[in-house]
Amino acid sequence: MLQKREKMYHIKSDKRSGKSAELICEGLAAMLNEKSYCDITISDVCSRCGIARTTFYRLFDTMDDVLLYQFDGLFEAGIAQYRSGSNPARSYAYILLNIALSDRALVTALIAGGRTDLFDFSSRLKENQMLQDIGLALADSERQYCTAMLNAILISAIKVWIKNGDMESVDELYESLKMNVSVILKYL
């Protein structure tokens, strides 16, 4: 199961590795416009971006790791944005929602492919850092429940958002989440 393993990408800090990883991510993005994530092979991506399979395997172990690499980048950017104050997040939920919707094509592909576990895995890798940044101290078991429940709510809301044509902004979807969680709590 994905949550019991470590991320398995091996991107070194040199320009060549970074450029190859970028090309692979672009190749995957292009393939997602043509096929479901579950139907895309490593050979498809390598052919699309002009990268040898040996280069792919030097950087990634699986296609899932390409997505994890992309989500890690989104989480790092979202956390940096929060820290800089340029997009002051209102809450842990807002940070996660903003990160998920920062690459609408990626999150839509994950949901369509039934791979929301990849978002959950990435968020769990960064949960301590995010909770520390917003000043929320939780015991380990509380933190795990909080992240699991929040991810489930966010993914469910994003599924409805996609189904309805992804019309709302991050702020509008966040306000809808707050209102609906209040309703749930009132009648729970």
Foldseek 3Di string as FASTA:
>chain_A
DVLVDDQFFDQDPDPVSVVVLVLLLVLLLVVLVPDQPVPDAPVSSCVSSVHDVVSVVNTHPGPLSSLLVVLLVLLVVLLVCCVVVVDPAPDPLLSLLCSLVVPVSSNVSCVVNVNLVSSLSSCVVCQVVSCVVVVHDDDPVVSVVVSVVSSVLSNVLVVVCVVVPVPDDSVVSVVVSVVVVVVVVVVD
